[in-house]
Amino acid sequence: MNNRLREVREDIGMSVAELARRVKTSRQTITNIELHGQEPSVGLALAIATALKTDPYNIFFVNIVIQDLQKGNSIEVS
């Protein structure tokens, strides 16, 4: 899973260690999410978004739509 976690975190000047402390997880977990595409649990994704004061979609789901569009897949809007 691609995400914007590192970009969003760095934009507000928060370190990996600080984010990990705020969401009560390890620095390694945050690094794995950022660099290796590890998928966080729903609870952790919500905690990360809250700590970064943004919507979880801004971090974790925006790229899914972009990737689908780049592959030529249509997006249905109801």
Protein backbone atom coordinates (compact mmCIF):
# COMPACT_ATOMS: atom_id res chain seq x y z
CA MET A 1 0.00 0.00 0.00
CA ASN A 2 1.40 3.35 -1.00
CA ASN A 3 0.73 6.21 1.33
CA ARG A 4 1.65 9.81 2.04
CA LEU A 5 2.53 9.30 5.70
CA ARG A 6 6.14 10.46 5.46
CA GLU A 7 5.22 13.50 3.37
CA VAL A 8 2.42 14.57 5.73
CA ARG A 9 4.54 13.91 8.84
CA GLU A 10 7.51 15.87 7.49
CA ASP A 11 5.28 18.75 6.34
CA ILE A 12 4.35 19.46 9.94
CA GLY A 13 7.88 18.83 11.22
CA MET A 14 7.14 15.76 13.33
CA SER A 15 9.80 13.08 13.76
CA VAL A 16 9.16 9.36 13.42
CA ALA A 17 9.92 8.97 17.12
CA GLU A 18 7.42 11.67 18.12
CA LEU A 19 4.66 10.20 15.95
CA ALA A 20 5.34 6.72 17.33
CA ARG A 21 5.18 8.07 20.90
CA ARG A 22 1.89 9.88 20.25
CA VAL A 23 0.19 6.83 18.74
CA LYS A 24 1.77 4.38 21.20
CA THR A 25 3.64 2.24 18.70
CA SER A 26 7.27 1.69 17.76
CA ARG A 27 9.41 3.80 15.46
CA GLN A 28 9.94 0.65 13.41
CA THR A 29 6.20 0.31 12.81
CA ILE A 30 5.97 3.90 11.54
CA THR A 31 9.03 3.33 9.33
CA ASN A 32 7.54 0.11 7.95
CA ILE A 33 4.32 1.93 7.07
CA GLU A 34 6.21 4.81 5.43
CA LEU A 35 8.88 2.94 3.52
CA HIS A 36 7.60 -0.57 3.01
CA GLY A 37 3.89 -0.03 2.59
CA GLN A 38 2.89 -2.00 5.68
CA GLU A 39 -0.83 -1.58 6.15
CA PRO A 40 -1.73 -0.21 9.59
CA SER A 41 -4.77 -1.45 11.45
CA VAL A 42 -7.81 0.78 11.23
CA GLY A 43 -7.23 1.90 14.81
CA LEU A 44 -3.60 2.79 14.15
CA ALA A 45 -4.48 4.59 10.89
CA LEU A 46 -7.05 6.69 12.78
CA ALA A 47 -4.58 7.40 15.60
CA ILE A 48 -1.91 8.48 13.09
CA ALA A 49 -4.35 10.77 11.29
CA THR A 50 -5.47 12.28 14.59
CA ALA A 51 -1.86 12.87 15.68
CA LEU A 52 -1.12 14.52 12.34
CA LYS A 53 -4.39 16.51 12.46
CA THR A 54 -5.60 15.33 9.08
CA ASP A 55 -8.09 12.97 7.52
CA PRO A 56 -6.90 9.35 7.16
CA TYR A 57 -7.90 9.47 3.48
CA ASN A 58 -5.33 12.23 2.98
CA ILE A 59 -2.61 9.84 4.16
CA PHE A 60 -3.65 6.35 3.18
CA PHE A 61 -6.27 6.32 0.44
CA VAL A 62 -5.61 9.18 -1.99
CA ASN A 63 -2.98 7.18 -3.86
CA ILE A 64 -5.37 4.29 -4.51
CA VAL A 65 -7.61 6.54 -6.61
CA ILE A 66 -4.62 8.05 -8.43
CA GLN A 67 -3.17 4.61 -9.17
CA ASP A 68 -6.50 3.40 -10.56
CA LEU A 69 -6.74 6.43 -12.82
CA GLN A 70 -3.16 5.96 -14.03
CA LYS A 71 -3.96 2.34 -14.91
CA GLY A 72 -6.88 3.56 -16.99
CA ASN A 73 -9.54 2.24 -14.62
CA SER A 74 -12.68 4.29 -14.34
CA ILE A 75 -13.90 5.52 -11.00
CA GLU A 76 -17.60 5.21 -10.29
CA VAL A 77 -19.18 7.91 -8.21
CA SER A 78 -22.60 7.20 -6.75
